[in-house]
Amino acid sequence: MPGTLYLIPNTLGETVSLDHVIPTHVQATTAQLTHFVAENAKTARAFLKLVNAAHPLVVPLQQIAIAELNVNTKADALAGLLAPLRAGHDVGLLSEAGVPAVADPGADLVRLAHKEGIPVRPLVGPSSLLLAVMASGLNGQSFAFNGYLPTDAAARTKRLRELETRSRQEKQTQLFIETPYRNGQMLEALVSSCQPGTLICVATDISLATETIRTRTAAQWQAELGAGRAPDFHKKPTVFLLLGQ
């Protein structure tokens, strides 16, 4: 019998308490695993060290096997990552931040696990995208995540206007993210590209002590930026949402 692939959520950043964002049963399940797949072995071990403080790991941390899966992983290497599962070991797929396989390279591994008949179990934890939708006040019945938008200014403006049009026509909330040091440019592009009444939410450091989530119209954001009241989100993970009116 193959093992089970557990999809293990991580924190969204440095948190005061692991219990604040990771349920106790998820920590307990994690502590029983001896094999993991993660984007970065070093940060995975740091997370497991936090888990160990409340739920002692079943073996010493140094004995836990951690294979890496990230943007540099070749497609033909995925099958090898499932070897422990084929041998009957349970494996944890650990995200770098938030939930695995959503805006995360783990999706390909999960698909391959299904193809091979390996059980997959998602565990409860923080998703910045869903938390942002919840707190935005925008349409939570229909929404779409668009990943990163183009970095070229003209291409980005074109894409933003396409998303705004789609949002207005379909009444669908559009989500996207940006490299944190370009958050300021993204908000400026949003307010200059969108219609004045379009709703824009900026959700920063979700679930952390420095969390800020604000929804304003494009016109209101424009006024705040003009008055020098830009959000404090430079180099901080941020989710942007818009809903055309």
Foldseek 3Di string as FASTA:
>chain_A
DFAEEEWAADAQDDAPAPVLWAPPVSLQVVLAAQEEEEQDPVLVLVRVVRSCVPHNRPDPSVRRHYHYDAPPDDPVCLVVSRVNRVVHGYYYYYYSHGTDPDLHRCVSSVVVCVVVVHHYHYDDGDDPVLVLVVPQPADPVAEDEDEAFDPPLVRRLVVLLVVLVCLAVVVYKYKYWYQQQCPVVVLVSNLVRADQAKKKWKWWPPSHPPTDIDIDGSVVQVVCVVVVNDDPRRNTTIMMMIHHD
